[in-house]
Amino acid sequence: MKVLAAITPGLKVLLERFGKPEIVNRPDFFRLDETGAVIVSNHVSWVDSLWIAYSVYPRQLRYMSKQELFRSTLSRLVLLYGGSIPVDRAHPSPGSIKAAVDILRHGGLILIFPSGTRIDKDIAFKRGAAMVAVHAGVPLVPAFFQGPKHVQAGHLLRRPVIRVTFGSPIPTVALPIGKQTTIELTRRLEAEVGKLRSAMESSRVAA
């Protein structure tokens, strides 16, 4: 992904002009290029993926993106060069799963939104993130994004706080591959992301 590597430093500088980023509890192993992981986060808008990519810099972040976003030629090129892997949310193909697993086994970081859509409220997670992580034998890392849903010109003058909080990594090495394992991991992910949400809301009320 030479294009992704080339644009990432410039994107980092640009984002810092539009917000005040706070990265909380970033796992130490994110500094190791040879360590793969699946990051699982809430999804409120297209900008959260950019800020989560910022939070793991200088590592490059890849994405599992719904295939509907690849319909137009322009969006397909942007997404592919930006590191996205198309996936059918209802019926993930073996090819998309294999592509993600190969990236993870070679030390890549992949972001998956398990809700499958942009939403502010809680929604049942899909099992795709757990399935990919188990097949690759890499940890699942819960995360929570808090910040504006859109990038606006006014943010250049009054930079809003952008916070990405990570939870404790959930190991998957040596876990049996199967539906029951992914169900249990997904339930745990839901609980961990929910804890991050609750902690964020509590700190907001206290402030």
Foldseek 3Di string as FASTA:
>chain_A
DVLQLVCLVVLLVVVVLLAAEDEAPDDPCLVPQQAEEEEEEAAAAPCVVSVVQSNSPPAGEAEEAEQVQCPDPVSVVVNVSNHYQYAHPVDGDPVSLVVLLVCRLRRHYYYYHQQNDHDDDDDQGDLSRVLSCLVNQHWYKYKYWDDDRDRDPCSSVVHYYIYIYIDDTDGNHPPDRDDVRSVVVSVVSSVRNVVVVVVVVVVVVVD
